Protein backbone atom coordinates (compact mmCIF):
# COMPACT_ATOMS: atom_id res chain seq x y z
CA MET A 1 28.40 110.45 -81.44
CA LYS A 2 27.48 114.08 -80.88
CA MET A 3 23.81 114.76 -80.26
CA SER A 4 21.92 117.34 -82.30
CA TYR A 5 21.46 120.54 -80.28
CA HIS A 6 20.17 123.82 -81.64
CA ASN A 7 21.61 127.30 -81.26
CA PRO A 8 22.23 128.45 -77.68
CA VAL A 9 19.85 131.19 -76.56
CA LEU A 10 21.09 134.76 -75.93
CA LEU A 11 24.64 133.54 -76.52
CA ARG A 12 26.51 136.84 -76.86
CA GLU A 13 24.46 138.64 -74.23
CA SER A 14 24.78 135.93 -71.57
CA ILE A 15 28.53 135.45 -72.04
CA ASP A 16 29.19 139.19 -72.23
CA GLY A 17 27.35 139.41 -68.92
CA LEU A 18 29.96 137.24 -67.21
CA ASN A 19 32.64 139.89 -67.90
CA ILE A 20 35.16 137.09 -68.43
CA LYS A 21 38.74 137.34 -67.21
CA GLU A 22 41.24 135.33 -69.26
CA ASP A 23 42.64 133.50 -66.23
CA GLY A 24 39.31 133.10 -64.41
CA ILE A 25 37.36 130.03 -63.36
CA TYR A 26 33.81 129.76 -64.71
CA VAL A 27 30.90 127.34 -64.40
CA ASP A 28 28.25 126.48 -66.99
CA VAL A 29 25.58 124.63 -65.00
CA THR A 30 23.50 123.66 -68.05
CA PHE A 31 25.98 122.29 -70.60
CA GLY A 32 23.55 120.70 -73.10
CA GLY A 33 25.09 120.91 -76.56
CA GLY A 34 28.00 122.98 -75.28
CA GLY A 35 27.24 126.17 -77.19
CA HIS A 36 27.61 128.51 -74.22
CA SER A 37 30.63 126.57 -72.96
CA ARG A 38 32.43 126.89 -76.31
CA GLU A 39 31.95 130.65 -76.24
CA ILE A 40 33.28 130.88 -72.68
CA LEU A 41 36.35 128.82 -73.61
CA SER A 42 36.98 131.05 -76.63
CA ARG A 43 37.38 134.00 -74.24
CA LEU A 44 39.61 132.23 -71.70
CA GLY A 45 43.41 132.18 -71.80
CA VAL A 46 45.60 129.13 -71.24
CA LYS A 47 45.27 129.49 -67.46
CA GLY A 48 41.50 129.87 -67.49
CA ARG A 49 39.20 127.02 -66.51
CA LEU A 50 35.61 126.01 -67.21
CA ILE A 51 33.56 123.46 -65.27
CA ALA A 52 30.23 122.37 -66.73
CA PHE A 53 27.31 120.44 -65.27
CA ASP A 54 24.61 118.41 -66.99
CA GLN A 55 22.53 115.66 -65.40
CA ASP A 56 21.42 114.31 -68.80
CA GLU A 57 23.56 111.35 -69.82
CA ASP A 58 23.05 112.28 -73.51
CA ALA A 59 25.01 115.51 -72.98
CA LEU A 60 28.19 113.50 -72.35
CA ALA A 61 28.39 112.85 -76.10
CA ASN A 62 29.11 116.57 -76.57
CA GLU A 63 32.04 116.75 -74.14
CA LEU A 64 34.67 119.23 -75.32
CA ASN A 65 38.25 118.12 -75.90
CA ASP A 66 40.03 120.92 -74.05
CA ASP A 67 42.45 120.66 -71.12
CA ARG A 68 40.79 123.69 -69.52
CA PHE A 69 37.37 121.97 -69.47
CA LEU A 70 35.67 119.53 -67.08
CA LEU A 71 32.15 118.13 -67.57
CA ILE A 72 30.36 116.79 -64.48
CA ASN A 73 27.36 114.50 -65.11
CA GLU A 74 25.33 115.69 -62.12
CA ASN A 75 22.44 117.99 -61.24
CA PHE A 76 23.58 121.58 -60.64
CA ARG A 77 21.76 121.60 -57.29
CA TYR A 78 24.98 119.94 -56.06
CA ILE A 79 27.27 122.62 -57.52
CA ALA A 80 29.21 123.44 -54.33
CA GLN A 81 29.70 119.79 -53.41
CA PHE A 82 31.17 118.80 -56.78
CA LEU A 83 33.29 121.93 -57.18
CA LYS A 84 34.80 121.26 -53.76
CA PHE A 85 35.37 117.61 -54.71
CA ASN A 86 37.39 118.88 -57.69
CA GLY A 87 39.42 121.27 -55.54
CA ILE A 88 37.51 124.44 -56.42
CA ARG A 89 36.11 126.69 -53.69
CA LYS A 90 35.68 129.99 -55.52
CA VAL A 91 34.82 130.90 -59.11
CA ASP A 92 34.56 134.10 -61.15
CA GLY A 93 31.27 133.51 -62.90
CA ILE A 94 28.33 131.13 -63.20
CA LEU A 95 26.10 130.70 -66.25
CA GLY A 96 22.69 128.99 -66.21
CA ASP A 97 20.31 128.34 -69.11
CA PHE A 98 17.30 126.75 -67.40
CA GLY A 99 14.60 124.62 -68.97
CA VAL A 100 14.67 121.83 -71.54
CA SER A 101 17.27 121.61 -74.30
CA SER A 102 16.24 121.38 -77.95
CA HIS A 103 17.73 117.89 -78.03
CA GLN A 104 15.46 116.73 -75.22
CA PHE A 105 12.43 118.10 -77.06
CA ASP A 106 13.51 116.53 -80.35
CA LYS A 107 14.24 113.05 -79.02
CA ALA A 108 10.85 111.34 -79.24
CA ASP A 109 11.36 108.68 -76.57
CA ARG A 110 12.04 111.19 -73.78
CA GLY A 111 8.38 112.23 -73.62
CA PHE A 112 9.07 115.99 -73.47
CA SER A 113 7.53 116.92 -76.82
CA THR A 114 3.87 117.33 -77.73
CA ARG A 115 4.76 116.21 -81.28
CA PHE A 116 5.49 112.56 -80.55
CA ASP A 117 3.83 109.65 -78.80
CA ALA A 118 6.11 108.27 -76.08
CA ASP A 119 6.11 106.65 -72.68
CA LEU A 120 5.30 109.09 -69.89
CA ASP A 121 8.87 109.80 -68.78
CA MET A 122 10.09 113.46 -68.89
CA ARG A 123 13.08 112.77 -66.66
CA MET A 124 16.11 114.93 -67.42
CA SER A 125 18.24 112.22 -65.83
CA LYS A 126 17.50 108.50 -65.85
CA LYS A 127 18.79 108.47 -62.25
CA ASN A 128 15.55 110.18 -61.16
CA THR A 129 13.15 107.74 -59.53
CA VAL A 130 9.99 109.77 -60.27
CA SER A 131 8.76 109.98 -63.86
CA ALA A 132 5.75 111.56 -65.57
CA TYR A 133 4.08 108.13 -65.27
CA ASP A 134 4.24 108.40 -61.47
CA VAL A 135 2.83 111.94 -61.43
CA VAL A 136 -0.08 111.09 -63.74
CA ASN A 137 -0.95 107.70 -62.24
CA ASN A 138 -0.05 107.98 -58.57
CA TYR A 139 -0.52 111.60 -57.44
CA SER A 140 -3.60 112.47 -55.41
CA TYR A 141 -6.25 114.79 -56.83
CA ASP A 142 -4.99 117.70 -54.71
CA ASP A 143 -1.34 117.19 -55.65
CA LEU A 144 -2.14 116.80 -59.35
CA ARG A 145 -4.34 119.90 -59.31
CA LYS A 146 -1.59 121.94 -57.66
CA VAL A 147 1.01 120.79 -60.18
CA LEU A 148 -1.17 121.71 -63.17
CA PHE A 149 -2.19 125.07 -61.71
CA GLN A 150 1.12 126.25 -60.23
CA TYR A 151 3.49 125.03 -62.93
CA GLY A 152 1.22 125.12 -65.98
CA ASP A 153 -0.92 128.21 -65.27
CA LEU A 154 -3.91 126.07 -66.26
CA ARG A 155 -7.27 127.55 -65.26
CA ASN A 156 -8.95 124.17 -65.79
CA ALA A 157 -6.52 122.41 -63.43
CA ASN A 158 -9.30 121.13 -61.15
CA ALA A 159 -11.31 119.61 -63.99
CA MET A 160 -8.19 118.19 -65.64
CA ALA A 161 -7.11 116.50 -62.42
CA SER A 162 -10.58 115.01 -62.04
CA ALA A 163 -10.51 113.69 -65.61
CA ILE A 164 -7.12 112.04 -65.06
CA LEU A 165 -8.26 110.37 -61.84
CA ALA A 166 -11.47 109.09 -63.43
CA SER A 167 -9.61 107.69 -66.41
CA ARG A 168 -6.86 105.97 -64.46
CA GLU A 169 -9.42 104.12 -62.33
CA GLU A 170 -10.37 102.25 -65.50
CA GLN A 171 -6.97 102.00 -67.18
CA VAL A 172 -3.37 102.98 -66.41
CA ILE A 173 -2.19 105.98 -68.45
CA LYS A 174 1.14 104.90 -69.95
CA THR A 175 1.83 107.18 -72.91
CA THR A 176 1.65 110.83 -73.91
CA ASP A 177 -1.00 110.05 -76.55
CA GLN A 178 -3.16 108.36 -73.90
CA LEU A 179 -2.84 111.45 -71.72
CA LYS A 180 -3.86 113.65 -74.66
CA GLU A 181 -6.99 111.56 -75.19
CA VAL A 182 -7.89 111.73 -71.50
CA LEU A 183 -7.69 115.53 -71.68
CA ARG A 184 -9.09 115.87 -75.23
CA LYS A 185 -12.14 117.92 -74.16
CA PHE A 186 -9.79 120.60 -72.75
CA LEU A 187 -7.91 120.93 -76.05
CA PRO A 188 -9.82 123.09 -78.56
CA SER A 189 -8.20 122.82 -81.98
CA PHE A 190 -7.28 126.50 -82.20
CA LYS A 191 -5.05 126.31 -79.12
CA GLU A 192 -4.42 122.60 -78.63
CA HIS A 193 -0.64 122.92 -78.91
CA LYS A 194 -0.46 125.80 -76.42
CA ILE A 195 -2.51 124.02 -73.74
CA LEU A 196 -0.66 120.73 -74.27
CA ALA A 197 2.64 122.56 -73.88
CA GLN A 198 1.40 123.97 -70.55
CA ILE A 199 0.32 120.50 -69.35
CA TYR A 200 3.65 118.94 -70.33
CA GLN A 201 5.56 121.82 -68.78
CA ALA A 202 3.74 121.42 -65.46
CA ILE A 203 4.40 117.68 -65.26
CA ARG A 204 8.03 118.09 -66.36
CA ILE A 205 8.74 120.75 -63.73
CA GLU A 206 7.30 118.46 -61.04
CA VAL A 207 9.18 115.37 -62.24
CA ASN A 208 12.52 117.17 -62.22
CA GLN A 209 11.85 119.38 -59.17
CA GLU A 210 12.97 122.30 -61.31
CA ILE A 211 11.80 125.10 -59.02
CA GLN A 212 13.36 123.53 -55.92
CA VAL A 213 16.59 122.83 -57.80
CA ILE A 214 16.90 126.48 -58.88
CA LYS A 215 16.28 127.64 -55.30
CA GLU A 216 18.97 125.34 -53.91
CA PHE A 217 21.38 126.41 -56.66
CA LEU A 218 20.82 130.15 -56.19
CA GLU A 219 21.38 129.89 -52.44
CA GLN A 220 24.89 128.55 -53.11
CA THR A 221 26.00 131.09 -55.70
CA ALA A 222 27.06 133.97 -53.45
CA ASP A 223 29.40 131.81 -51.35
CA LEU A 224 30.95 130.32 -54.49
CA LEU A 225 31.75 133.59 -56.22
CA ASN A 226 34.81 135.74 -55.80
CA GLU A 227 34.21 139.45 -55.17
CA LYS A 228 32.79 141.01 -58.35
CA GLY A 229 32.09 137.53 -59.70
CA ARG A 230 28.92 137.32 -61.77
CA ILE A 231 25.87 135.19 -62.40
CA SER A 232 24.25 135.20 -65.84
CA LEU A 233 20.94 133.32 -65.77
CA ILE A 234 18.40 132.59 -68.52
CA SER A 235 14.85 131.61 -67.50
CA TYR A 236 11.87 130.48 -69.58
CA HIS A 237 9.05 130.25 -67.04
CA SER A 238 7.65 133.07 -64.92
CA LEU A 239 8.30 131.11 -61.71
CA GLU A 240 11.97 130.63 -62.61
CA ASP A 241 12.44 134.27 -63.53
CA ARG A 242 10.69 135.41 -60.34
CA LEU A 243 13.09 133.34 -58.22
CA VAL A 244 16.13 134.81 -59.98
CA LYS A 245 14.79 138.36 -59.79
CA ARG A 246 13.94 138.12 -56.08
CA TYR A 247 17.22 136.48 -55.15
CA ILE A 248 19.23 139.16 -56.93
CA ARG A 249 17.15 141.93 -55.33
CA ALA A 250 16.72 140.56 -51.82
CA GLY A 251 19.09 137.62 -51.32
CA GLN A 252 16.03 135.47 -50.57
CA PHE A 253 12.83 134.32 -52.26
CA ASP A 254 10.17 135.74 -49.95
CA GLY A 255 9.78 138.84 -47.82
CA GLU A 256 11.95 141.92 -47.58
CA PRO A 257 15.76 141.95 -47.88
CA GLU A 258 17.79 141.73 -44.69
CA LYS A 259 19.32 144.90 -43.24
CA ASP A 260 22.54 145.41 -41.31
CA PHE A 261 22.91 147.07 -37.88
CA TYR A 262 22.60 150.53 -39.42
CA GLY A 263 19.48 149.74 -41.45
CA ASN A 264 21.27 149.36 -44.77
CA ILE A 265 20.03 146.63 -47.09
CA ASP A 266 22.45 143.71 -46.87
CA VAL A 267 22.20 141.58 -50.01
CA PRO A 268 24.95 139.57 -51.74
CA PHE A 269 24.33 140.79 -55.29
CA LYS A 270 23.77 143.97 -57.25
CA LYS A 271 22.05 143.70 -60.60
CA VAL A 272 23.95 144.51 -63.77
CA GLY A 273 21.75 146.27 -66.31
CA GLY A 274 18.09 145.42 -66.77
CA LEU A 275 16.12 142.47 -68.04
CA ILE A 276 17.46 141.23 -71.39
CA MET A 277 15.21 139.48 -73.89
CA PRO A 278 16.01 138.03 -77.31
CA SER A 279 15.68 140.12 -80.45
CA LYS A 280 12.98 139.49 -83.05
CA GLU A 281 15.72 138.16 -85.32
CA GLU A 282 16.87 135.59 -82.76
CA ILE A 283 13.31 134.43 -82.09
CA ALA A 284 12.72 134.07 -85.83
CA SER A 285 15.80 131.84 -86.19
CA ASN A 286 15.41 129.98 -82.87
CA ASN A 287 11.84 129.48 -81.65
CA ARG A 288 13.07 128.22 -78.25
CA ALA A 289 14.26 131.77 -77.49
CA ARG A 290 10.76 133.28 -77.56
CA SER A 291 10.15 133.16 -73.79
CA ALA A 292 13.77 133.61 -72.64
CA LYS A 293 14.68 136.21 -70.01
CA LEU A 294 18.25 136.96 -69.01
CA ARG A 295 19.26 138.56 -65.72
CA ILE A 296 22.85 139.39 -64.72
CA ALA A 297 24.18 140.26 -61.28
CA GLU A 298 27.54 140.87 -59.62
CA LYS A 299 28.63 139.84 -56.16
CA ARG A 300 29.16 142.82 -53.90
């Protein structure tokens, strides 16, 4: 049975950015409901090929019945390994739509949504050994504080971490509603949803190692692409977008770009156009698009 997934974000803009060749090989590293993949396939000829990745077992229900298509149920941090396993060493374009799918938010038992009570899970793949339960109940004060501050931009991270530690000494925190109650004093009614979303986001990013995964993925892209191959990447969090922006600009995440013997900047990509954000119309019809940022780059 197909799962319910909402409209793909920045669909036309992100696929246009790949500059698709009819006989090319492309990768969609965040398959989800398959919206971006369907659009890529619609632009490929009979000799074209599309490989998609999704670590979420639920996404397998949306697999596309097309001889040109292969869906790999793995984390995209292993992109080079699994492409090589399937006989592919070079591709013409890679698409990534980072973050949580609408389906994951809408499925109550996954623990991603602030709307439902659920077990503290937040794993994008059930293969993951660390869940939100582990982060909330087992992390030290320092580690919990860092997670809330770095990934949630929460100014009260110190006090929140202290409240969680004090509460779990008396009783294990098992559900999202329990966590809300522990942090109730930090949730004024006029911005309760916003702060909760930041808390959930921070824990989710930690559980799924999202920042590290994106780093590992980006570092593989240049070697996987043919000359003039493209990356088209949609981010939703400032940390994600910063990684993409820096890697495109400098070929690394920190410091200045490397230079060749003659002092010329030696980076694998050149950016294509500027930052692309969704239109007011798209945001009105698809709330998930509100924080999306698309960056496109071409291999030199």
